[in-house]
Amino acid sequence: MSDVQRQTRELRGTLSVQEAADLLGVVRRTIHRWQRDGRMPPRIPIGRRLQYRLDDIRAMAGTPDGEQAR
């Protein structure tokens, strides 16, 4: 992820499914499965899209700055 993308994400405070998947190191299909199984935090509506709160996904990743755990 580029610095510009990271800064934009920080300003928004929300993530798309793809951004959440990237941060967690999984594919979109896994995010959808986790959502169905109740393992994902609630999504919030932003316009016509549902987004995840950045802080919720960071907590799942276990990394305060949002960098993917390795």
PDB file of N, CA and C in Angstrom:
ATOM      1  N   MET A   1       0.841  -1.172   0.000  1.00  0.00           N
ATOM      2  CA  MET A   1       0.000   0.000   0.000  1.00  0.00           C
ATOM      3  C   MET A   1       0.887   1.236   0.000  1.00  0.00           C
ATOM      4  N   SER A   2       0.530   2.204  -0.823  1.00  0.00           N
ATOM      5  CA  SER A   2       1.337   3.419  -0.920  1.00  0.00           C
ATOM      6  C   SER A   2       1.069   4.339   0.269  1.00  0.00           C
ATOM      7  N   ASP A   3       1.957   5.295   0.457  1.00  0.00           N
ATOM      8  CA  ASP A   3       1.787   6.265   1.540  1.00  0.00           C
ATOM      9  C   ASP A   3       0.511   7.085   1.353  1.00  0.00           C
ATOM     10  N   VAL A   4       0.201   7.433   0.112  1.00  0.00           N
ATOM     11  CA  VAL A   4      -1.010   8.213  -0.160  1.00  0.00           C
ATOM     12  C   VAL A   4      -2.247   7.402   0.216  1.00  0.00           C
ATOM     13  N   GLN A   5      -2.268   6.127  -0.160  1.00  0.00           N
ATOM     14  CA  GLN A   5      -3.402   5.275   0.193  1.00  0.00           C
ATOM     15  C   GLN A   5      -3.527   5.142   1.708  1.00  0.00           C
ATOM     16  N   ARG A   6      -2.421   4.985   2.382  1.00  0.00           N
ATOM     17  CA  ARG A   6      -2.424   4.845   3.840  1.00  0.00           C
ATOM     18  C   ARG A   6      -2.953   6.128   4.493  1.00  0.00           C
ATOM     19  N   GLN A   7      -2.522   7.283   4.001  1.00  0.00           N
ATOM     20  CA  GLN A   7      -2.979   8.555   4.567  1.00  0.00           C
ATOM     21  C   GLN A   7      -4.471   8.768   4.311  1.00  0.00           C
ATOM     22  N   THR A   8      -4.930   8.413   3.127  1.00  0.00           N
ATOM     23  CA  THR A   8      -6.350   8.538   2.806  1.00  0.00           C
ATOM     24  C   THR A   8      -7.177   7.663   3.722  1.00  0.00           C
ATOM     25  N   ARG A   9      -6.731   6.442   3.937  1.00  0.00           N
ATOM     26  CA  ARG A   9      -7.421   5.510   4.830  1.00  0.00           C
ATOM     27  C   ARG A   9      -7.487   6.086   6.240  1.00  0.00           C
ATOM     28  N   GLU A  10      -6.388   6.662   6.699  1.00  0.00           N
ATOM     29  CA  GLU A  10      -6.338   7.255   8.039  1.00  0.00           C
ATOM     30  C   GLU A  10      -7.353   8.392   8.166  1.00  0.00           C
ATOM     31  N   LEU A  11      -7.439   9.240   7.161  1.00  0.00           N
ATOM     32  CA  LEU A  11      -8.361  10.375   7.214  1.00  0.00           C
ATOM     33  C   LEU A  11      -9.818   9.923   7.219  1.00  0.00           C
ATOM     34  N   ARG A  12     -10.127   8.911   6.432  1.00  0.00           N
ATOM     35  CA  ARG A  12     -11.496   8.395   6.362  1.00  0.00           C
ATOM     36  C   ARG A  12     -11.892   7.688   7.644  1.00  0.00           C
ATOM     37  N   GLY A  13     -10.973   6.915   8.194  1.00  0.00           N
ATOM     38  CA  GLY A  13     -11.285   6.138   9.389  1.00  0.00           C
ATOM     39  C   GLY A  13     -12.105   4.902   9.108  1.00  0.00           C
ATOM     40  N   THR A  14     -12.312   4.598   7.818  1.00  0.00           N
ATOM     41  CA  THR A  14     -13.072   3.411   7.445  1.00  0.00           C
ATOM     42  C   THR A  14     -12.336   2.649   6.357  1.00  0.00           C
ATOM     43  N   LEU A  15     -12.736   1.392   6.190  1.00  0.00           N
ATOM     44  CA  LEU A  15     -12.109   0.534   5.192  1.00  0.00           C
ATOM     45  C   LEU A  15     -13.166  -0.188   4.370  1.00  0.00           C
ATOM     46  N   SER A  16     -12.868  -0.392   3.109  1.00  0.00           N
ATOM     47  CA  SER A  16     -13.702  -1.246   2.269  1.00  0.00           C
ATOM     48  C   SER A  16     -13.394  -2.703   2.604  1.00  0.00           C
ATOM     49  N   VAL A  17     -14.159  -3.608   2.035  1.00  0.00           N
ATOM     50  CA  VAL A  17     -13.894  -5.036   2.233  1.00  0.00           C
ATOM     51  C   VAL A  17     -12.487  -5.372   1.748  1.00  0.00           C
ATOM     52  N   GLN A  18     -12.105  -4.861   0.580  1.00  0.00           N
ATOM     53  CA  GLN A  18     -10.776  -5.164   0.042  1.00  0.00           C
ATOM     54  C   GLN A  18      -9.678  -4.606   0.934  1.00  0.00           C
ATOM     55  N   GLU A  19      -9.849  -3.390   1.428  1.00  0.00           N
ATOM     56  CA  GLU A  19      -8.840  -2.798   2.308  1.00  0.00           C
ATOM     57  C   GLU A  19      -8.733  -3.574   3.616  1.00  0.00           C
ATOM     58  N   ALA A  20      -9.877  -4.010   4.154  1.00  0.00           N
ATOM     59  CA  ALA A  20      -9.860  -4.820   5.377  1.00  0.00           C
ATOM     60  C   ALA A  20      -9.145  -6.139   5.118  1.00  0.00           C
ATOM     61  N   ALA A  21      -9.425  -6.756   3.980  1.00  0.00           N
ATOM     62  CA  ALA A  21      -8.770  -8.014   3.627  1.00  0.00           C
ATOM     63  C   ALA A  21      -7.262  -7.812   3.509  1.00  0.00           C
ATOM     64  N   ASP A  22      -6.851  -6.742   2.859  1.00  0.00           N
ATOM     65  CA  ASP A  22      -5.419  -6.458   2.710  1.00  0.00           C
ATOM     66  C   ASP A  22      -4.757  -6.281   4.071  1.00  0.00           C
ATOM     67  N   LEU A  23      -5.407  -5.535   4.954  1.00  0.00           N
ATOM     68  CA  LEU A  23      -4.824  -5.269   6.264  1.00  0.00           C
ATOM     69  C   LEU A  23      -4.727  -6.550   7.098  1.00  0.00           C
ATOM     70  N   LEU A  24      -5.718  -7.439   6.944  1.00  0.00           N
ATOM     71  CA  LEU A  24      -5.730  -8.689   7.708  1.00  0.00           C
ATOM     72  C   LEU A  24      -4.935  -9.805   7.033  1.00  0.00           C
ATOM     73  N   GLY A  25      -4.507  -9.575   5.795  1.00  0.00           N
ATOM     74  CA  GLY A  25      -3.708 -10.575   5.093  1.00  0.00           C
ATOM     75  C   GLY A  25      -4.518 -11.762   4.600  1.00  0.00           C
ATOM     76  N   VAL A  26      -5.791 -11.501   4.243  1.00  0.00           N
ATOM     77  CA  VAL A  26      -6.663 -12.554   3.723  1.00  0.00           C
ATOM     78  C   VAL A  26      -7.290 -12.065   2.423  1.00  0.00           C
ATOM     79  N   VAL A  27      -8.047 -12.934   1.773  1.00  0.00           N
ATOM     80  CA  VAL A  27      -8.740 -12.551   0.543  1.00  0.00           C
ATOM     81  C   VAL A  27     -10.157 -12.095   0.880  1.00  0.00           C
ATOM     82  N   ARG A  28     -10.786 -11.407  -0.062  1.00  0.00           N
ATOM     83  CA  ARG A  28     -12.148 -10.888   0.143  1.00  0.00           C
ATOM     84  C   ARG A  28     -13.128 -11.987   0.532  1.00  0.00           C
ATOM     85  N   ARG A  29     -12.992 -13.133  -0.082  1.00  0.00           N
ATOM     86  CA  ARG A  29     -13.900 -14.245   0.209  1.00  0.00           C
ATOM     87  C   ARG A  29     -13.868 -14.591   1.700  1.00  0.00           C
ATOM     88  N   THR A  30     -12.688 -14.536   2.302  1.00  0.00           N
ATOM     89  CA  THR A  30     -12.560 -14.823   3.736  1.00  0.00           C
ATOM     90  C   THR A  30     -13.305 -13.783   4.556  1.00  0.00           C
ATOM     91  N   ILE A  31     -13.179 -12.515   4.182  1.00  0.00           N
ATOM     92  CA  ILE A  31     -13.900 -11.453   4.892  1.00  0.00           C
ATOM     93  C   ILE A  31     -15.402 -11.707   4.819  1.00  0.00           C
ATOM     94  N   HIS A  32     -15.897 -12.050   3.635  1.00  0.00           N
ATOM     95  CA  HIS A  32     -17.329 -12.321   3.480  1.00  0.00           C
ATOM     96  C   HIS A  32     -17.752 -13.526   4.328  1.00  0.00           C
ATOM     97  N   ARG A  33     -16.934 -14.551   4.359  1.00  0.00           N
ATOM     98  CA  ARG A  33     -17.245 -15.735   5.176  1.00  0.00           C
ATOM     99  C   ARG A  33     -17.243 -15.370   6.655  1.00  0.00           C
ATOM    100  N   TRP A  34     -16.231 -14.623   7.096  1.00  0.00           N
ATOM    101  CA  TRP A  34     -16.169 -14.192   8.498  1.00  0.00           C
ATOM    102  C   TRP A  34     -17.372 -13.324   8.851  1.00  0.00           C
ATOM    103  N   GLN A  35     -17.797 -12.467   7.926  1.00  0.00           N
ATOM    104  CA  GLN A  35     -18.977 -11.625   8.173  1.00  0.00           C
ATOM    105  C   GLN A  35     -20.202 -12.510   8.363  1.00  0.00           C
ATOM    106  N   ARG A  36     -20.376 -13.468   7.489  1.00  0.00           N
ATOM    107  CA  ARG A  36     -21.522 -14.386   7.577  1.00  0.00           C
ATOM    108  C   ARG A  36     -21.512 -15.165   8.887  1.00  0.00           C
ATOM    109  N   ASP A  37     -20.311 -15.548   9.339  1.00  0.00           N
ATOM    110  CA  ASP A  37     -20.162 -16.346  10.560  1.00  0.00           C
ATOM    111  C   ASP A  37     -20.146 -15.506  11.834  1.00  0.00           C
ATOM    112  N   GLY A  38     -20.256 -14.181  11.698  1.00  0.00           N
ATOM    113  CA  GLY A  38     -20.300 -13.307  12.865  1.00  0.00           C
ATOM    114  C   GLY A  38     -18.943 -12.997  13.475  1.00  0.00           C
ATOM    115  N   ARG A  39     -17.870 -13.223  12.727  1.00  0.00           N
ATOM    116  CA  ARG A  39     -16.519 -12.983  13.242  1.00  0.00           C
ATOM    117  C   ARG A  39     -15.993 -11.587  12.933  1.00  0.00           C
ATOM    118  N   MET A  40     -16.721 -10.831  12.125  1.00  0.00           N
ATOM    119  CA  MET A  40     -16.298  -9.480  11.755  1.00  0.00           C
ATOM    120  C   MET A  40     -17.074  -8.459  12.577  1.00  0.00           C
ATOM    121  N   PRO A  41     -16.473  -7.294  12.821  1.00  0.00           N
ATOM    122  CA  PRO A  41     -17.195  -6.227  13.527  1.00  0.00           C
ATOM    123  C   PRO A  41     -18.326  -5.697  12.645  1.00  0.00           C
ATOM    124  N   PRO A  42     -19.258  -4.974  13.237  1.00  0.00           N
ATOM    125  CA  PRO A  42     -20.349  -4.417  12.430  1.00  0.00           C
ATOM    126  C   PRO A  42     -19.819  -3.425  11.397  1.00  0.00           C
ATOM    127  N   ARG A  43     -20.514  -3.372  10.273  1.00  0.00           N
ATOM    128  CA  ARG A  43     -20.164  -2.422   9.218  1.00  0.00           C
ATOM    129  C   ARG A  43     -21.031  -1.178   9.365  1.00  0.00           C
ATOM    130  N   ILE A  44     -20.510  -0.067   8.873  1.00  0.00           N
ATOM    131  CA  ILE A  44     -21.266   1.181   8.929  1.00  0.00           C
ATOM    132  C   ILE A  44     -21.541   1.657   7.504  1.00  0.00           C
ATOM    133  N   PRO A  45     -22.733   2.199   7.269  1.00  0.00           N
ATOM    134  CA  PRO A  45     -23.044   2.685   5.924  1.00  0.00           C
ATOM    135  C   PRO A  45     -22.363   4.024   5.651  1.00  0.00           C
ATOM    136  N   ILE A  46     -21.645   4.085   4.560  1.00  0.00           N
ATOM    137  CA  ILE A  46     -21.033   5.323   4.069  1.00  0.00           C
ATOM    138  C   ILE A  46     -21.568   5.489   2.649  1.00  0.00           C
ATOM    139  N   GLY A  47     -22.507   6.395   2.487  1.00  0.00           N
ATOM    140  CA  GLY A  47     -23.175   6.501   1.196  1.00  0.00           C
ATOM    141  C   GLY A  47     -23.932   5.213   0.921  1.00  0.00           C
ATOM    142  N   ARG A  48     -23.669   4.603  -0.217  1.00  0.00           N
ATOM    143  CA  ARG A  48     -24.328   3.348  -0.571  1.00  0.00           C
ATOM    144  C   ARG A  48     -23.474   2.135  -0.250  1.00  0.00           C
ATOM    145  N   ARG A  49     -22.347   2.338   0.388  1.00  0.00           N
ATOM    146  CA  ARG A  49     -21.427   1.232   0.687  1.00  0.00           C
ATOM    147  C   ARG A  49     -21.351   0.978   2.180  1.00  0.00           C
ATOM    148  N   LEU A  50     -21.081  -0.274   2.521  1.00  0.00           N
ATOM    149  CA  LEU A  50     -20.852  -0.636   3.912  1.00  0.00           C
ATOM    150  C   LEU A  50     -19.350  -0.703   4.139  1.00  0.00           C
ATOM    151  N   GLN A  51     -18.889  -0.054   5.183  1.00  0.00           N
ATOM    152  CA  GLN A  51     -17.465   0.034   5.485  1.00  0.00           C
ATOM    153  C   GLN A  51     -17.207  -0.486   6.889  1.00  0.00           C
ATOM    154  N   TYR A  52     -15.975  -0.892   7.128  1.00  0.00           N
ATOM    155  CA  TYR A  52     -15.543  -1.284   8.467  1.00  0.00           C
ATOM    156  C   TYR A  52     -14.808  -0.113   9.098  1.00  0.00           C
ATOM    157  N   ARG A  53     -14.922   0.025  10.393  1.00  0.00           N
ATOM    158  CA  ARG A  53     -14.137   1.043  11.099  1.00  0.00           C
ATOM    159  C   ARG A  53     -12.681   0.588  11.123  1.00  0.00           C
ATOM    160  N   LEU A  54     -11.798   1.492  10.803  1.00  0.00           N
ATOM    161  CA  LEU A  54     -10.371   1.200  10.772  1.00  0.00           C
ATOM    162  C   LEU A  54      -9.895   0.652  12.112  1.00  0.00           C
ATOM    163  N   ASP A  55     -10.324   1.260  13.203  1.00  0.00           N
ATOM    164  CA  ASP A  55      -9.889   0.812  14.528  1.00  0.00           C
ATOM    165  C   ASP A  55     -10.337  -0.615  14.829  1.00  0.00           C
ATOM    166  N   ASP A  56     -11.538  -0.999  14.362  1.00  0.00           N
ATOM    167  CA  ASP A  56     -12.023  -2.366  14.584  1.00  0.00           C
ATOM    168  C   ASP A  56     -11.145  -3.384  13.853  1.00  0.00           C
ATOM    169  N   ILE A  57     -10.771  -3.062  12.622  1.00  0.00           N
ATOM    170  CA  ILE A  57      -9.947  -3.987  11.838  1.00  0.00           C
ATOM    171  C   ILE A  57      -8.528  -4.022  12.394  1.00  0.00           C
ATOM    172  N   ARG A  58      -8.030  -2.879  12.836  1.00  0.00           N
ATOM    173  CA  ARG A  58      -6.708  -2.867  13.475  1.00  0.00           C
ATOM    174  C   ARG A  58      -6.706  -3.763  14.712  1.00  0.00           C
ATOM    175  N   ALA A  59      -7.777  -3.707  15.489  1.00  0.00           N
ATOM    176  CA  ALA A  59      -7.873  -4.552  16.684  1.00  0.00           C
ATOM    177  C   ALA A  59      -7.860  -6.029  16.298  1.00  0.00           C
ATOM    178  N   MET A  60      -8.540  -6.378  15.225  1.00  0.00           N
ATOM    179  CA  MET A  60      -8.524  -7.767  14.756  1.00  0.00           C
ATOM    180  C   MET A  60      -7.124  -8.178  14.329  1.00  0.00           C
ATOM    181  N   ALA A  61      -6.423  -7.242  13.683  1.00  0.00           N
ATOM    182  CA  ALA A  61      -5.075  -7.537  13.189  1.00  0.00           C
ATOM    183  C   ALA A  61      -4.066  -7.580  14.329  1.00  0.00           C
ATOM    184  N   GLY A  62      -4.430  -6.962  15.455  1.00  0.00           N
ATOM    185  CA  GLY A  62      -3.522  -6.937  16.599  1.00  0.00           C
ATOM    186  C   GLY A  62      -2.346  -6.009  16.418  1.00  0.00           C
ATOM    187  N   THR A  63      -2.501  -5.020  15.543  1.00  0.00           N
ATOM    188  CA  THR A  63      -1.428  -4.068  15.287  1.00  0.00           C
ATOM    189  C   THR A  63      -1.974  -2.653  15.394  1.00  0.00           C
ATOM    190  N   PRO A  64      -1.474  -1.844  16.319  1.00  0.00           N
ATOM    191  CA  PRO A  64      -2.018  -0.506  16.535  1.00  0.00           C
ATOM    192  C   PRO A  64      -1.868   0.439  15.356  1.00  0.00           C
ATOM    193  N   ASP A  65      -0.824   0.275  14.557  1.00  0.00           N
ATOM    194  CA  ASP A  65      -0.627   1.200  13.438  1.00  0.00           C
ATOM    195  C   ASP A  65      -1.238   0.687  12.145  1.00  0.00           C
ATOM    196  N   GLY A  66      -1.844  -0.500  12.190  1.00  0.00           N
ATOM    197  CA  GLY A  66      -2.516  -1.022  11.019  1.00  0.00           C
ATOM    198  C   GLY A  66      -1.632  -1.760  10.043  1.00  0.00           C
ATOM    199  N   GLU A  67      -0.354  -1.873  10.320  1.00  0.00           N
ATOM    200  CA  GLU A  67       0.512  -2.647   9.441  1.00  0.00           C
ATOM    201  C   GLU A  67       0.183  -4.120   9.611  1.00  0.00           C
ATOM    202  N   GLN A  68       0.176  -4.827   8.530  1.00  0.00           N
ATOM    203  CA  GLN A  68      -0.167  -6.246   8.559  1.00  0.00           C
ATOM    204  C   GLN A  68       0.792  -7.025   9.449  1.00  0.00           C
ATOM    205  N   ALA A  69       0.236  -7.832  10.335  1.00  0.00           N
ATOM    206  CA  ALA A  69       1.062  -8.701  11.180  1.00  0.00           C
ATOM    207  C   ALA A  69       1.699  -9.772  10.313  1.00  0.00           C
ATOM    208  N   ARG A  70       2.908 -10.099  10.618  1.00  0.00           N
ATOM    209  CA  ARG A  70       3.600 -11.122   9.810  1.00  0.00           C
ATOM    210  C   ARG A  70       3.963 -12.301  10.671  1.00  0.00           C
TER     211      ARG A  70
END
